[in-house]
Amino acid sequence: MIRLSVRDPADERRVLVDLTSAGRALEAEVLGVSIKIKSACRIADQGAADLRDTLETLGPPAAD
C-alpha cells in the first residue's frame, strides 16, 4: 500500500490522506527521475516543462 486514508476525527466529512513508508520511498525514487531526465537531455526546468508539453501532445496518458 502506498497511501493511507482515514476520516478526520474533527470532521467526518473530510478524509485525511498520507503516504505510507513504501509510498514515501516511491516518492523519493520518482522525484529523482526528473533530475535524471534533465541531466541526460542537458536541459533546465523550462526545457523540461517544454519537453513534457510536447510529449503530452503525442497522445493521452496510459490508463491505470
C-alpha atoms as a PDB file:
ATOM      1  CA  MET A   1       0.000   0.000   0.000  1.00  0.00           C
ATOM      2  CA  ILE A   2       1.387   3.419  -0.898  1.00  0.00           C
ATOM      3  CA  ARG A   3      -1.239   5.635   0.669  1.00  0.00           C
ATOM      4  CA  LEU A   4      -3.210   5.649   3.863  1.00  0.00           C
ATOM      5  CA  SER A   5      -6.536   7.413   4.323  1.00  0.00           C
ATOM      6  CA  VAL A   6      -8.582   7.959   7.471  1.00  0.00           C
ATOM      7  CA  ARG A   7     -11.607  10.059   8.356  1.00  0.00           C
ATOM      8  CA  ASP A   8     -10.814  13.310  10.131  1.00  0.00           C
ATOM      9  CA  PRO A   9     -11.958  12.826  13.741  1.00  0.00           C
ATOM     10  CA  ALA A  10     -12.793  16.540  13.960  1.00  0.00           C
ATOM     11  CA  ASP A  11     -14.916  16.488  10.791  1.00  0.00           C
ATOM     12  CA  GLU A  12     -16.157  13.132   9.456  1.00  0.00           C
ATOM     13  CA  ARG A  13     -16.805  14.687   6.030  1.00  0.00           C
ATOM     14  CA  ARG A  14     -13.053  15.032   5.488  1.00  0.00           C
ATOM     15  CA  VAL A  15     -10.663  12.240   4.600  1.00  0.00           C
ATOM     16  CA  LEU A  16      -7.014  12.655   5.548  1.00  0.00           C
ATOM     17  CA  VAL A  17      -4.567  11.076   3.104  1.00  0.00           C
ATOM     18  CA  ASP A  18      -0.899  10.388   3.726  1.00  0.00           C
ATOM     19  CA  LEU A  19       1.786   8.199   2.180  1.00  0.00           C
ATOM     20  CA  THR A  20       2.924   5.001   3.854  1.00  0.00           C
ATOM     21  CA  SER A  21       6.653   4.348   4.211  1.00  0.00           C
ATOM     22  CA  ALA A  22       6.515   2.406   0.917  1.00  0.00           C
ATOM     23  CA  GLY A  23       4.819   5.392  -0.709  1.00  0.00           C
ATOM     24  CA  ARG A  24       7.451   7.777   0.646  1.00  0.00           C
ATOM     25  CA  ALA A  25      10.214   5.547  -0.758  1.00  0.00           C
ATOM     26  CA  LEU A  26       8.499   5.522  -4.143  1.00  0.00           C
ATOM     27  CA  GLU A  27       8.040   9.318  -3.979  1.00  0.00           C
ATOM     28  CA  ALA A  28      11.780   9.802  -3.455  1.00  0.00           C
ATOM     29  CA  GLU A  29      12.540   7.490  -6.376  1.00  0.00           C
ATOM     30  CA  VAL A  30      10.100   9.295  -8.672  1.00  0.00           C
ATOM     31  CA  LEU A  31      11.477  12.724  -7.783  1.00  0.00           C
ATOM     32  CA  GLY A  32      14.877  11.540  -8.967  1.00  0.00           C
ATOM     33  CA  VAL A  33      13.507  10.722 -12.421  1.00  0.00           C
ATOM     34  CA  SER A  34      13.015  14.362 -13.443  1.00  0.00           C
ATOM     35  CA  ILE A  35      16.549  15.202 -12.318  1.00  0.00           C
ATOM     36  CA  LYS A  36      17.927  12.323 -14.410  1.00  0.00           C
ATOM     37  CA  ILE A  37      15.913  13.394 -17.468  1.00  0.00           C
ATOM     38  CA  LYS A  38      17.085  17.000 -17.183  1.00  0.00           C
ATOM     39  CA  SER A  39      20.678  15.857 -16.804  1.00  0.00           C
ATOM     40  CA  ALA A  40      20.550  13.380 -19.695  1.00  0.00           C
ATOM     41  CA  CYS A  41      18.880  15.900 -22.009  1.00  0.00           C
ATOM     42  CA  ARG A  42      21.016  18.777 -20.715  1.00  0.00           C
ATOM     43  CA  ILE A  43      18.004  20.992 -20.117  1.00  0.00           C
ATOM     44  CA  ALA A  44      16.868  23.289 -17.308  1.00  0.00           C
ATOM     45  CA  ASP A  45      13.434  23.462 -15.662  1.00  0.00           C
ATOM     46  CA  GLN A  46      11.836  25.372 -18.551  1.00  0.00           C
ATOM     47  CA  GLY A  47      13.252  22.911 -21.060  1.00  0.00           C
ATOM     48  CA  ALA A  48      11.799  20.048 -19.010  1.00  0.00           C
ATOM     49  CA  ALA A  49       8.405  21.766 -18.966  1.00  0.00           C
ATOM     50  CA  ASP A  50       8.589  22.275 -22.733  1.00  0.00           C
ATOM     51  CA  LEU A  51       9.533  18.607 -23.210  1.00  0.00           C
ATOM     52  CA  ARG A  52       6.606  17.482 -21.046  1.00  0.00           C
ATOM     53  CA  ASP A  53       4.202  19.696 -23.003  1.00  0.00           C
ATOM     54  CA  THR A  54       5.490  18.264 -26.283  1.00  0.00           C
ATOM     55  CA  LEU A  55       5.159  14.672 -25.066  1.00  0.00           C
ATOM     56  CA  GLU A  56       1.611  15.326 -23.837  1.00  0.00           C
ATOM     57  CA  THR A  57       0.577  16.323 -27.363  1.00  0.00           C
ATOM     58  CA  LEU A  58       1.637  12.916 -28.708  1.00  0.00           C
ATOM     59  CA  GLY A  59      -1.238  11.081 -27.067  1.00  0.00           C
ATOM     60  CA  PRO A  60      -3.328  10.658 -23.967  1.00  0.00           C
ATOM     61  CA  PRO A  61      -1.728   9.226 -20.825  1.00  0.00           C
ATOM     62  CA  ALA A  62      -1.981   5.463 -20.344  1.00  0.00           C
ATOM     63  CA  ALA A  63      -4.954   4.277 -18.301  1.00  0.00           C
ATOM     64  CA  ASP A  64      -4.193   2.944 -14.818  1.00  0.00           C
END
